[in-house]
Amino acid sequence: MLSIGDDVDAFISLRQALTRSGMSVSMAWNGKQAVELMPMVRPHLVVLDLAVATADAAPVLALIASSTPNPITVLVPGPKDAAPTFVKALEGAGQPATLSHLLQQLKEPEKS
């Protein structure tokens, strides 16, 4: 899993909860770090904080959209004016996931 955002308290809490459940969690505090980490981590799940500046996140969204397979992408609500931009950028990158599908993906071990 890769979390992208600058809300230190929220993302560290998320990381602690998920690592206790046995998940591997990488963190990026901005878009540049995320672009550098994604090819190395190849996450199945990306949590993207929409409070990240649109210009900073644009390369991240392009990388998510071009990844094969597309990681499940969770958009954390941010400024209302930014949300439609992020959602539009991700259109066509994959099908929306139901909660049960997301949980199933998180519980399945990585397949080689």
PDB file of N, CA and C in Angstrom:
ATOM      1  N   MET A   1       0.835  -1.161   0.000  1.00  0.00           N
ATOM      2  CA  MET A   1       0.000   0.000   0.000  1.00  0.00           C
ATOM      3  C   MET A   1       0.886   1.232   0.000  1.00  0.00           C
ATOM      4  N   LEU A   2       0.448   2.267  -0.703  1.00  0.00           N
ATOM      5  CA  LEU A   2       1.156   3.534  -0.712  1.00  0.00           C
ATOM      6  C   LEU A   2       0.190   4.630  -0.303  1.00  0.00           C
ATOM      7  N   SER A   3       0.543   5.379   0.740  1.00  0.00           N
ATOM      8  CA  SER A   3      -0.272   6.520   1.149  1.00  0.00           C
ATOM      9  C   SER A   3       0.448   7.785   0.719  1.00  0.00           C
ATOM     10  N   ILE A   4      -0.344   8.733   0.184  1.00  0.00           N
ATOM     11  CA  ILE A   4       0.221   9.975  -0.330  1.00  0.00           C
ATOM     12  C   ILE A   4      -0.548  11.135   0.282  1.00  0.00           C
ATOM     13  N   GLY A   5       0.147  11.954   1.050  1.00  0.00           N
ATOM     14  CA  GLY A   5      -0.490  13.102   1.665  1.00  0.00           C
ATOM     15  C   GLY A   5       0.412  13.692   2.717  1.00  0.00           C
ATOM     16  N   ASP A   6       0.060  14.891   3.155  1.00  0.00           N
ATOM     17  CA  ASP A   6       0.921  15.556   4.124  1.00  0.00           C
ATOM     18  C   ASP A   6       0.294  15.679   5.507  1.00  0.00           C
ATOM     19  N   ASP A   7      -0.808  14.966   5.741  1.00  0.00           N
ATOM     20  CA  ASP A   7      -1.423  14.947   7.073  1.00  0.00           C
ATOM     21  C   ASP A   7      -0.690  13.885   7.891  1.00  0.00           C
ATOM     22  N   VAL A   8       0.379  14.305   8.536  1.00  0.00           N
ATOM     23  CA  VAL A   8       1.283  13.388   9.229  1.00  0.00           C
ATOM     24  C   VAL A   8       0.548  12.501  10.227  1.00  0.00           C
ATOM     25  N   ASP A   9      -0.258  13.099  11.089  1.00  0.00           N
ATOM     26  CA  ASP A   9      -0.945  12.322  12.127  1.00  0.00           C
ATOM     27  C   ASP A   9      -1.866  11.269  11.528  1.00  0.00           C
ATOM     28  N   ALA A  10      -2.650  11.654  10.533  1.00  0.00           N
ATOM     29  CA  ALA A  10      -3.597  10.718   9.931  1.00  0.00           C
ATOM     30  C   ALA A  10      -2.891   9.569   9.224  1.00  0.00           C
ATOM     31  N   PHE A  11      -1.864   9.878   8.451  1.00  0.00           N
ATOM     32  CA  PHE A  11      -1.211   8.825   7.687  1.00  0.00           C
ATOM     33  C   PHE A  11      -0.329   7.935   8.555  1.00  0.00           C
ATOM     34  N   ILE A  12       0.254   8.463   9.598  1.00  0.00           N
ATOM     35  CA  ILE A  12       1.019   7.605  10.514  1.00  0.00           C
ATOM     36  C   ILE A  12       0.065   6.683  11.276  1.00  0.00           C
ATOM     37  N   SER A  13      -1.088   7.195  11.679  1.00  0.00           N
ATOM     38  CA  SER A  13      -2.092   6.345  12.339  1.00  0.00           C
ATOM     39  C   SER A  13      -2.561   5.238  11.409  1.00  0.00           C
ATOM     40  N   LEU A  14      -2.805   5.584  10.144  1.00  0.00           N
ATOM     41  CA  LEU A  14      -3.213   4.584   9.155  1.00  0.00           C
ATOM     42  C   LEU A  14      -2.125   3.533   8.986  1.00  0.00           C
ATOM     43  N   ARG A  15      -0.887   3.983   8.887  1.00  0.00           N
ATOM     44  CA  ARG A  15       0.228   3.046   8.721  1.00  0.00           C
ATOM     45  C   ARG A  15       0.335   2.097   9.915  1.00  0.00           C
ATOM     46  N   GLN A  16       0.229   2.627  11.132  1.00  0.00           N
ATOM     47  CA  GLN A  16       0.323   1.784  12.318  1.00  0.00           C
ATOM     48  C   GLN A  16      -0.784   0.739  12.346  1.00  0.00           C
ATOM     49  N   ALA A  17      -2.009   1.158  12.019  1.00  0.00           N
ATOM     50  CA  ALA A  17      -3.131   0.216  12.030  1.00  0.00           C
ATOM     51  C   ALA A  17      -2.945  -0.875  10.982  1.00  0.00           C
ATOM     52  N   LEU A  18      -2.507  -0.510   9.801  1.00  0.00           N
ATOM     53  CA  LEU A  18      -2.360  -1.498   8.729  1.00  0.00           C
ATOM     54  C   LEU A  18      -1.153  -2.404   8.941  1.00  0.00           C
ATOM     55  N   THR A  19      -0.059  -1.880   9.468  1.00  0.00           N
ATOM     56  CA  THR A  19       1.097  -2.744   9.709  1.00  0.00           C
ATOM     57  C   THR A  19       0.810  -3.745  10.828  1.00  0.00           C
ATOM     58  N   ARG A  20      -0.010  -3.348  11.812  1.00  0.00           N
ATOM     59  CA  ARG A  20      -0.420  -4.309  12.849  1.00  0.00           C
ATOM     60  C   ARG A  20      -1.239  -5.444  12.243  1.00  0.00           C
ATOM     61  N   SER A  21      -1.898  -5.157  11.120  1.00  0.00           N
ATOM     62  CA  SER A  21      -2.691  -6.186  10.433  1.00  0.00           C
ATOM     63  C   SER A  21      -1.843  -6.977   9.447  1.00  0.00           C
ATOM     64  N   GLY A  22      -0.553  -6.683   9.387  1.00  0.00           N
ATOM     65  CA  GLY A  22       0.340  -7.448   8.525  1.00  0.00           C
ATOM     66  C   GLY A  22       0.570  -6.852   7.145  1.00  0.00           C
ATOM     67  N   MET A  23       0.082  -5.654   6.889  1.00  0.00           N
ATOM     68  CA  MET A  23       0.275  -5.040   5.580  1.00  0.00           C
ATOM     69  C   MET A  23       1.580  -4.260   5.529  1.00  0.00           C
ATOM     70  N   SER A  24       2.155  -4.202   4.345  1.00  0.00           N
ATOM     71  CA  SER A  24       3.318  -3.368   4.100  1.00  0.00           C
ATOM     72  C   SER A  24       2.817  -2.006   3.633  1.00  0.00           C
ATOM     73  N   VAL A  25       3.271  -0.950   4.284  1.00  0.00           N
ATOM     74  CA  VAL A  25       2.795   0.400   3.972  1.00  0.00           C
ATOM     75  C   VAL A  25       3.977   1.312   3.693  1.00  0.00           C
ATOM     76  N   SER A  26       3.970   1.918   2.514  1.00  0.00           N
ATOM     77  CA  SER A  26       4.957   2.937   2.167  1.00  0.00           C
ATOM     78  C   SER A  26       4.259   4.281   2.201  1.00  0.00           C
ATOM     79  N   MET A  27       5.023   5.323   2.517  1.00  0.00           N
ATOM     80  CA  MET A  27       4.424   6.649   2.648  1.00  0.00           C
ATOM     81  C   MET A  27       5.180   7.653   1.798  1.00  0.00           C
ATOM     82  N   ALA A  28       4.425   8.533   1.150  1.00  0.00           N
ATOM     83  CA  ALA A  28       4.995   9.652   0.406  1.00  0.00           C
ATOM     84  C   ALA A  28       4.299  10.911   0.891  1.00  0.00           C
ATOM     85  N   TRP A  29       5.065  11.934   1.170  1.00  0.00           N
ATOM     86  CA  TRP A  29       4.505  13.165   1.714  1.00  0.00           C
ATOM     87  C   TRP A  29       4.129  14.153   0.616  1.00  0.00           C
ATOM     88  N   ASN A  30       4.526  13.855  -0.643  1.00  0.00           N
ATOM     89  CA  ASN A  30       4.176  14.727  -1.757  1.00  0.00           C
ATOM     90  C   ASN A  30       4.205  13.922  -3.055  1.00  0.00           C
ATOM     91  N   GLY A  31       3.800  14.564  -4.125  1.00  0.00           N
ATOM     92  CA  GLY A  31       3.722  13.883  -5.412  1.00  0.00           C
ATOM     93  C   GLY A  31       5.063  13.404  -5.930  1.00  0.00           C
ATOM     94  N   LYS A  32       6.106  14.198  -5.717  1.00  0.00           N
ATOM     95  CA  LYS A  32       7.435  13.813  -6.201  1.00  0.00           C
ATOM     96  C   LYS A  32       7.891  12.511  -5.548  1.00  0.00           C
ATOM     97  N   GLN A  33       7.726  12.414  -4.232  1.00  0.00           N
ATOM     98  CA  GLN A  33       8.100  11.183  -3.532  1.00  0.00           C
ATOM     99  C   GLN A  33       7.266  10.007  -4.015  1.00  0.00           C
ATOM    100  N   ALA A  34       5.981  10.243  -4.249  1.00  0.00           N
ATOM    101  CA  ALA A  34       5.095   9.167  -4.705  1.00  0.00           C
ATOM    102  C   ALA A  34       5.528   8.632  -6.064  1.00  0.00           C
ATOM    103  N   VAL A  35       5.881   9.534  -6.982  1.00  0.00           N
ATOM    104  CA  VAL A  35       6.324   9.115  -8.322  1.00  0.00           C
ATOM    105  C   VAL A  35       7.608   8.296  -8.221  1.00  0.00           C
ATOM    106  N   GLU A  36       8.490   8.647  -7.286  1.00  0.00           N
ATOM    107  CA  GLU A  36       9.726   7.892  -7.101  1.00  0.00           C
ATOM    108  C   GLU A  36       9.463   6.525  -6.474  1.00  0.00           C
ATOM    109  N   LEU A  37       8.500   6.447  -5.549  1.00  0.00           N
ATOM    110  CA  LEU A  37       8.222   5.200  -4.835  1.00  0.00           C
ATOM    111  C   LEU A  37       7.390   4.198  -5.632  1.00  0.00           C
ATOM    112  N   MET A  38       6.427   4.686  -6.408  1.00  0.00           N
ATOM    113  CA  MET A  38       5.474   3.763  -7.055  1.00  0.00           C
ATOM    114  C   MET A  38       6.131   2.649  -7.873  1.00  0.00           C
ATOM    115  N   PRO A  39       7.134   2.942  -8.724  1.00  0.00           N
ATOM    116  CA  PRO A  39       7.742   1.836  -9.487  1.00  0.00           C
ATOM    117  C   PRO A  39       8.444   0.810  -8.599  1.00  0.00           C
ATOM    118  N   MET A  40       8.976   1.248  -7.458  1.00  0.00           N
ATOM    119  CA  MET A  40       9.664   0.322  -6.550  1.00  0.00           C
ATOM    120  C   MET A  40       8.676  -0.486  -5.717  1.00  0.00           C
ATOM    121  N   VAL A  41       7.615   0.172  -5.253  1.00  0.00           N
ATOM    122  CA  VAL A  41       6.656  -0.460  -4.348  1.00  0.00           C
ATOM    123  C   VAL A  41       5.612  -1.270  -5.106  1.00  0.00           C
ATOM    124  N   ARG A  42       5.204  -0.780  -6.283  1.00  0.00           N
ATOM    125  CA  ARG A  42       4.135  -1.402  -7.096  1.00  0.00           C
ATOM    126  C   ARG A  42       2.930  -1.740  -6.209  1.00  0.00           C
ATOM    127  N   PRO A  43       2.319  -0.716  -5.626  1.00  0.00           N
ATOM    128  CA  PRO A  43       1.246  -0.954  -4.654  1.00  0.00           C
ATOM    129  C   PRO A  43      -0.024  -1.496  -5.285  1.00  0.00           C
ATOM    130  N   HIS A  44      -0.727  -2.312  -4.514  1.00  0.00           N
ATOM    131  CA  HIS A  44      -2.053  -2.792  -4.918  1.00  0.00           C
ATOM    132  C   HIS A  44      -3.112  -1.778  -4.505  1.00  0.00           C
ATOM    133  N   LEU A  45      -2.764  -0.942  -3.534  1.00  0.00           N
ATOM    134  CA  LEU A  45      -3.681   0.052  -2.992  1.00  0.00           C
ATOM    135  C   LEU A  45      -2.935   1.368  -2.837  1.00  0.00           C
ATOM    136  N   VAL A  46      -3.571   2.460  -3.301  1.00  0.00           N
ATOM    137  CA  VAL A  46      -3.022   3.804  -3.130  1.00  0.00           C
ATOM    138  C   VAL A  46      -4.077   4.639  -2.417  1.00  0.00           C
ATOM    139  N   VAL A  47      -3.676   5.297  -1.331  1.00  0.00           N
ATOM    140  CA  VAL A  47      -4.547   6.239  -0.630  1.00  0.00           C
ATOM    141  C   VAL A  47      -3.990   7.626  -0.923  1.00  0.00           C
ATOM    142  N   LEU A  48      -4.774   8.435  -1.649  1.00  0.00           N
ATOM    143  CA  LEU A  48      -4.328   9.750  -2.082  1.00  0.00           C
ATOM    144  C   LEU A  48      -5.165  10.835  -1.424  1.00  0.00           C
ATOM    145  N   ASP A  49      -4.506  11.678  -0.648  1.00  0.00           N
ATOM    146  CA  ASP A  49      -5.158  12.788   0.028  1.00  0.00           C
ATOM    147  C   ASP A  49      -5.375  13.909  -0.999  1.00  0.00           C
ATOM    148  N   LEU A  50      -6.634  14.273  -1.234  1.00  0.00           N
ATOM    149  CA  LEU A  50      -6.948  15.285  -2.231  1.00  0.00           C
ATOM    150  C   LEU A  50      -6.532  16.681  -1.805  1.00  0.00           C
ATOM    151  N   ALA A  51      -6.030  16.844  -0.593  1.00  0.00           N
ATOM    152  CA  ALA A  51      -5.521  18.147  -0.171  1.00  0.00           C
ATOM    153  C   ALA A  51      -4.160  18.433  -0.800  1.00  0.00           C
ATOM    154  N   VAL A  52      -3.540  17.409  -1.406  1.00  0.00           N
ATOM    155  CA  VAL A  52      -2.278  17.606  -2.113  1.00  0.00           C
ATOM    156  C   VAL A  52      -2.559  18.529  -3.295  1.00  0.00           C
ATOM    157  N   ALA A  53      -1.673  19.447  -3.553  1.00  0.00           N
ATOM    158  CA  ALA A  53      -1.866  20.391  -4.657  1.00  0.00           C
ATOM    159  C   ALA A  53      -2.077  19.645  -5.971  1.00  0.00           C
ATOM    160  N   THR A  54      -3.005  20.127  -6.788  1.00  0.00           N
ATOM    161  CA  THR A  54      -3.323  19.482  -8.067  1.00  0.00           C
ATOM    162  C   THR A  54      -2.077  19.320  -8.924  1.00  0.00           C
ATOM    163  N   ALA A  55      -1.246  20.348  -9.008  1.00  0.00           N
ATOM    164  CA  ALA A  55      -0.036  20.270  -9.828  1.00  0.00           C
ATOM    165  C   ALA A  55       0.924  19.213  -9.296  1.00  0.00           C
ATOM    166  N   ASP A  56       0.977  19.036  -7.980  1.00  0.00           N
ATOM    167  CA  ASP A  56       1.862  18.063  -7.361  1.00  0.00           C
ATOM    168  C   ASP A  56       1.352  16.645  -7.596  1.00  0.00           C
ATOM    169  N   ALA A  57       0.038  16.492  -7.656  1.00  0.00           N
ATOM    170  CA  ALA A  57      -0.550  15.160  -7.788  1.00  0.00           C
ATOM    171  C   ALA A  57      -0.738  14.715  -9.233  1.00  0.00           C
ATOM    172  N   ALA A  58      -0.692  15.622 -10.182  1.00  0.00           N
ATOM    173  CA  ALA A  58      -0.933  15.264 -11.584  1.00  0.00           C
ATOM    174  C   ALA A  58      -0.022  14.132 -12.070  1.00  0.00           C
ATOM    175  N   PRO A  59       1.297  14.184 -11.805  1.00  0.00           N
ATOM    176  CA  PRO A  59       2.150  13.067 -12.234  1.00  0.00           C
ATOM    177  C   PRO A  59       1.789  11.748 -11.534  1.00  0.00           C
ATOM    178  N   VAL A  60       1.335  11.833 -10.290  1.00  0.00           N
ATOM    179  CA  VAL A  60       0.927  10.632  -9.546  1.00  0.00           C
ATOM    180  C   VAL A  60      -0.285  10.007 -10.225  1.00  0.00           C
ATOM    181  N   LEU A  61      -1.263  10.841 -10.555  1.00  0.00           N
ATOM    182  CA  LEU A  61      -2.472  10.342 -11.214  1.00  0.00           C
ATOM    183  C   LEU A  61      -2.142   9.713 -12.565  1.00  0.00           C
ATOM    184  N   ALA A  62      -1.237  10.321 -13.303  1.00  0.00           N
ATOM    185  CA  ALA A  62      -0.837   9.765 -14.597  1.00  0.00           C
ATOM    186  C   ALA A  62      -0.182   8.398 -14.410  1.00  0.00           C
ATOM    187  N   LEU A  63       0.640   8.271 -13.379  1.00  0.00           N
ATOM    188  CA  LEU A  63       1.309   6.995 -13.097  1.00  0.00           C
ATOM    189  C   LEU A  63       0.303   5.930 -12.659  1.00  0.00           C
ATOM    190  N   ILE A  64      -0.654   6.321 -11.821  1.00  0.00           N
ATOM    191  CA  ILE A  64      -1.699   5.381 -11.399  1.00  0.00           C
ATOM    192  C   ILE A  64      -2.494   4.905 -12.610  1.00  0.00           C
ATOM    193  N   ALA A  65      -2.895   5.849 -13.462  1.00  0.00           N
ATOM    194  CA  ALA A  65      -3.711   5.514 -14.630  1.00  0.00           C
ATOM    195  C   ALA A  65      -2.970   4.633 -15.622  1.00  0.00           C
ATOM    196  N   SER A  66      -1.635   4.759 -15.688  1.00  0.00           N
ATOM    197  CA  SER A  66      -0.868   3.964 -16.653  1.00  0.00           C
ATOM    198  C   SER A  66      -0.353   2.650 -16.070  1.00  0.00           C
ATOM    199  N   SER A  67      -0.553   2.427 -14.785  1.00  0.00           N
ATOM    200  CA  SER A  67      -0.072   1.201 -14.142  1.00  0.00           C
ATOM    201  C   SER A  67      -0.901   0.004 -14.578  1.00  0.00           C
ATOM    202  N   THR A  68      -0.221  -1.128 -14.737  1.00  0.00           N
ATOM    203  CA  THR A  68      -0.898  -2.371 -15.074  1.00  0.00           C
ATOM    204  C   THR A  68      -0.474  -3.429 -14.082  1.00  0.00           C
ATOM    205  N   PRO A  69      -1.392  -3.984 -13.326  1.00  0.00           N
ATOM    206  CA  PRO A  69      -2.795  -3.592 -13.212  1.00  0.00           C
ATOM    207  C   PRO A  69      -2.915  -2.291 -12.418  1.00  0.00           C
ATOM    208  N   ASN A  70      -4.049  -1.630 -12.604  1.00  0.00           N
ATOM    209  CA  ASN A  70      -4.291  -0.395 -11.861  1.00  0.00           C
ATOM    210  C   ASN A  70      -4.452  -0.707 -10.389  1.00  0.00           C
ATOM    211  N   PRO A  71      -3.760   0.047  -9.538  1.00  0.00           N
ATOM    212  CA  PRO A  71      -3.978  -0.165  -8.102  1.00  0.00           C
ATOM    213  C   PRO A  71      -5.355   0.353  -7.703  1.00  0.00           C
ATOM    214  N   ILE A  72      -5.908  -0.239  -6.665  1.00  0.00           N
ATOM    215  CA  ILE A  72      -7.137   0.307  -6.091  1.00  0.00           C
ATOM    216  C   ILE A  72      -6.752   1.673  -5.552  1.00  0.00           C
ATOM    217  N   THR A  73      -7.536   2.685  -5.877  1.00  0.00           N
ATOM    218  CA  THR A  73      -7.200   4.044  -5.474  1.00  0.00           C
ATOM    219  C   THR A  73      -8.301   4.601  -4.597  1.00  0.00           C
ATOM    220  N   VAL A  74      -7.922   4.990  -3.388  1.00  0.00           N
ATOM    221  CA  VAL A  74      -8.854   5.593  -2.443  1.00  0.00           C
ATOM    222  C   VAL A  74      -8.536   7.086  -2.397  1.00  0.00           C
ATOM    223  N   LEU A  75      -9.537   7.906  -2.730  1.00  0.00           N
ATOM    224  CA  LEU A  75      -9.364   9.350  -2.694  1.00  0.00           C
ATOM    225  C   LEU A  75      -9.910   9.876  -1.382  1.00  0.00           C
ATOM    226  N   VAL A  76      -9.053  10.503  -0.583  1.00  0.00           N
ATOM    227  CA  VAL A  76      -9.462  11.086   0.691  1.00  0.00           C
ATOM    228  C   VAL A  76      -9.949  12.496   0.400  1.00  0.00           C
ATOM    229  N   PRO A  77     -11.177  12.832   0.806  1.00  0.00           N
ATOM    230  CA  PRO A  77     -11.734  14.152   0.471  1.00  0.00           C
ATOM    231  C   PRO A  77     -10.821  15.295   0.882  1.00  0.00           C
ATOM    232  N   GLY A  78     -10.758  16.262  -0.021  1.00  0.00           N
ATOM    233  CA  GLY A  78      -9.966  17.466   0.206  1.00  0.00           C
ATOM    234  C   GLY A  78     -10.809  18.670  -0.174  1.00  0.00           C
ATOM    235  N   PRO A  79     -10.186  19.701  -0.680  1.00  0.00           N
ATOM    236  CA  PRO A  79     -10.942  20.882  -1.091  1.00  0.00           C
ATOM    237  C   PRO A  79     -11.971  20.523  -2.161  1.00  0.00           C
ATOM    238  N   LYS A  80     -13.151  21.063  -2.034  1.00  0.00           N
ATOM    239  CA  LYS A  80     -14.234  20.716  -2.958  1.00  0.00           C
ATOM    240  C   LYS A  80     -13.880  21.005  -4.404  1.00  0.00           C
ATOM    241  N   ASP A  81     -13.129  22.061  -4.660  1.00  0.00           N
ATOM    242  CA  ASP A  81     -12.797  22.390  -6.039  1.00  0.00           C
ATOM    243  C   ASP A  81     -11.782  21.423  -6.642  1.00  0.00           C
ATOM    244  N   ALA A  82     -10.993  20.729  -5.814  1.00  0.00           N
ATOM    245  CA  ALA A  82      -9.989  19.802  -6.320  1.00  0.00           C
ATOM    246  C   ALA A  82     -10.568  18.426  -6.619  1.00  0.00           C
ATOM    247  N   ALA A  83     -11.566  17.996  -5.879  1.00  0.00           N
ATOM    248  CA  ALA A  83     -12.089  16.631  -6.013  1.00  0.00           C
ATOM    249  C   ALA A  83     -12.509  16.283  -7.436  1.00  0.00           C
ATOM    250  N   PRO A  84     -13.311  17.095  -8.136  1.00  0.00           N
ATOM    251  CA  PRO A  84     -13.695  16.728  -9.504  1.00  0.00           C
ATOM    252  C   PRO A  84     -12.496  16.577 -10.434  1.00  0.00           C
ATOM    253  N   THR A  85     -11.460  17.383 -10.237  1.00  0.00           N
ATOM    254  CA  THR A  85     -10.262  17.290 -11.067  1.00  0.00           C
ATOM    255  C   THR A  85      -9.590  15.937 -10.885  1.00  0.00           C
ATOM    256  N   PHE A  86      -9.452  15.491  -9.636  1.00  0.00           N
ATOM    257  CA  PHE A  86      -8.815  14.206  -9.370  1.00  0.00           C
ATOM    258  C   PHE A  86      -9.653  13.049  -9.898  1.00  0.00           C
ATOM    259  N   VAL A  87     -10.959  13.111  -9.669  1.00  0.00           N
ATOM    260  CA  VAL A  87     -11.832  12.028 -10.128  1.00  0.00           C
ATOM    261  C   VAL A  87     -11.794  11.934 -11.647  1.00  0.00           C
ATOM    262  N   LYS A  88     -11.851  13.056 -12.333  1.00  0.00           N
ATOM    263  CA  LYS A  88     -11.806  13.062 -13.795  1.00  0.00           C
ATOM    264  C   LYS A  88     -10.484  12.481 -14.295  1.00  0.00           C
ATOM    265  N   ALA A  89      -9.391  12.808 -13.613  1.00  0.00           N
ATOM    266  CA  ALA A  89      -8.084  12.296 -14.018  1.00  0.00           C
ATOM    267  C   ALA A  89      -7.990  10.790 -13.894  1.00  0.00           C
ATOM    268  N   LEU A  90      -8.740  10.213 -12.957  1.00  0.00           N
ATOM    269  CA  LEU A  90      -8.697   8.765 -12.746  1.00  0.00           C
ATOM    270  C   LEU A  90      -9.726   8.006 -13.570  1.00  0.00           C
ATOM    271  N   GLU A  91     -10.645   8.714 -14.242  1.00  0.00           N
ATOM    272  CA  GLU A  91     -11.661   8.010 -15.035  1.00  0.00           C
ATOM    273  C   GLU A  91     -10.975   7.122 -16.057  1.00  0.00           C
ATOM    274  N   GLY A  92     -11.472   5.933 -16.196  1.00  0.00           N
ATOM    275  CA  GLY A  92     -10.902   4.993 -17.143  1.00  0.00           C
ATOM    276  C   GLY A  92      -9.707   4.237 -16.592  1.00  0.00           C
ATOM    277  N   ALA A  93      -9.240   4.592 -15.402  1.00  0.00           N
ATOM    278  CA  ALA A  93      -8.087   3.901 -14.824  1.00  0.00           C
ATOM    279  C   ALA A  93      -8.478   2.581 -14.188  1.00  0.00           C
ATOM    280  N   GLY A  94      -9.746   2.326 -14.044  1.00  0.00           N
ATOM    281  CA  GLY A  94     -10.216   1.082 -13.437  1.00  0.00           C
ATOM    282  C   GLY A  94     -11.646   1.242 -13.003  1.00  0.00           C
ATOM    283  N   GLN A  95     -12.219   0.143 -12.598  1.00  0.00           N
ATOM    284  CA  GLN A  95     -13.603   0.158 -12.155  1.00  0.00           C
ATOM    285  C   GLN A  95     -13.674   0.524 -10.684  1.00  0.00           C
ATOM    286  N   PRO A  96     -14.731   1.244 -10.278  1.00  0.00           N
ATOM    287  CA  PRO A  96     -14.880   1.531  -8.847  1.00  0.00           C
ATOM    288  C   PRO A  96     -14.963   0.231  -8.052  1.00  0.00           C
ATOM    289  N   ALA A  97     -14.357   0.220  -6.903  1.00  0.00           N
ATOM    290  CA  ALA A  97     -14.342  -0.982  -6.081  1.00  0.00           C
ATOM    291  C   ALA A  97     -15.380  -0.886  -4.974  1.00  0.00           C
ATOM    292  N   THR A  98     -16.043  -2.003  -4.715  1.00  0.00           N
ATOM    293  CA  THR A  98     -16.940  -2.057  -3.568  1.00  0.00           C
ATOM    294  C   THR A  98     -16.092  -2.304  -2.328  1.00  0.00           C
ATOM    295  N   LEU A  99     -16.653  -2.057  -1.164  1.00  0.00           N
ATOM    296  CA  LEU A  99     -15.922  -2.284   0.078  1.00  0.00           C
ATOM    297  C   LEU A  99     -15.514  -3.744   0.206  1.00  0.00           C
ATOM    298  N   SER A 100     -16.400  -4.667  -0.142  1.00  0.00           N
ATOM    299  CA  SER A 100     -16.058  -6.091  -0.022  1.00  0.00           C
ATOM    300  C   SER A 100     -14.913  -6.457  -0.969  1.00  0.00           C
ATOM    301  N   HIS A 101     -14.906  -5.858  -2.179  1.00  0.00           N
ATOM    302  CA  HIS A 101     -13.818  -6.118  -3.126  1.00  0.00           C
ATOM    303  C   HIS A 101     -12.505  -5.573  -2.568  1.00  0.00           C
ATOM    304  N   LEU A 102     -12.548  -4.372  -1.994  1.00  0.00           N
ATOM    305  CA  LEU A 102     -11.358  -3.769  -1.414  1.00  0.00           C
ATOM    306  C   LEU A 102     -10.804  -4.636  -0.290  1.00  0.00           C
ATOM    307  N   LEU A 103     -11.665  -5.089   0.606  1.00  0.00           N
ATOM    308  CA  LEU A 103     -11.212  -5.938   1.716  1.00  0.00           C
ATOM    309  C   LEU A 103     -10.638  -7.249   1.208  1.00  0.00           C
ATOM    310  N   GLN A 104     -11.257  -7.819   0.179  1.00  0.00           N
ATOM    311  CA  GLN A 104     -10.756  -9.066  -0.397  1.00  0.00           C
ATOM    312  C   GLN A 104      -9.354  -8.846  -0.969  1.00  0.00           C
ATOM    313  N   GLN A 105      -9.162  -7.738  -1.688  1.00  0.00           N
ATOM    314  CA  GLN A 105      -7.858  -7.433  -2.265  1.00  0.00           C
ATOM    315  C   GLN A 105      -6.793  -7.248  -1.186  1.00  0.00           C
ATOM    316  N   LEU A 106      -7.178  -6.655  -0.077  1.00  0.00           N
ATOM    317  CA  LEU A 106      -6.218  -6.419   0.999  1.00  0.00           C
ATOM    318  C   LEU A 106      -5.835  -7.704   1.714  1.00  0.00           C
ATOM    319  N   LYS A 107      -6.746  -8.667   1.775  1.00  0.00           N
ATOM    320  CA  LYS A 107      -6.488  -9.912   2.495  1.00  0.00           C
ATOM    321  C   LYS A 107      -5.737 -10.934   1.657  1.00  0.00           C
ATOM    322  N   GLU A 108      -5.857 -10.847   0.319  1.00  0.00           N
ATOM    323  CA  GLU A 108      -5.189 -11.829  -0.548  1.00  0.00           C
ATOM    324  C   GLU A 108      -3.696 -11.555  -0.580  1.00  0.00           C
ATOM    325  N   PRO A 109      -2.885 -12.606  -0.474  1.00  0.00           N
ATOM    326  CA  PRO A 109      -1.445 -12.398  -0.586  1.00  0.00           C
ATOM    327  C   PRO A 109      -1.100 -12.007  -2.015  1.00  0.00           C
ATOM    328  N   GLU A 110       0.012 -11.290  -2.168  1.00  0.00           N
ATOM    329  CA  GLU A 110       0.435 -10.871  -3.493  1.00  0.00           C
ATOM    330  C   GLU A 110       0.740 -12.083  -4.344  1.00  0.00           C
ATOM    331  N   LYS A 111       0.195 -12.097  -5.571  1.00  0.00           N
ATOM    332  CA  LYS A 111       0.424 -13.211  -6.485  1.00  0.00           C
ATOM    333  C   LYS A 111       1.571 -12.862  -7.405  1.00  0.00           C
ATOM    334  N   SER A 112       2.502 -13.786  -7.565  1.00  0.00           N
ATOM    335  CA  SER A 112       3.678 -13.532  -8.421  1.00  0.00           C
ATOM    336  C   SER A 112       3.339 -13.774  -9.852  1.00  0.00           C
TER     337      SER A 112
END
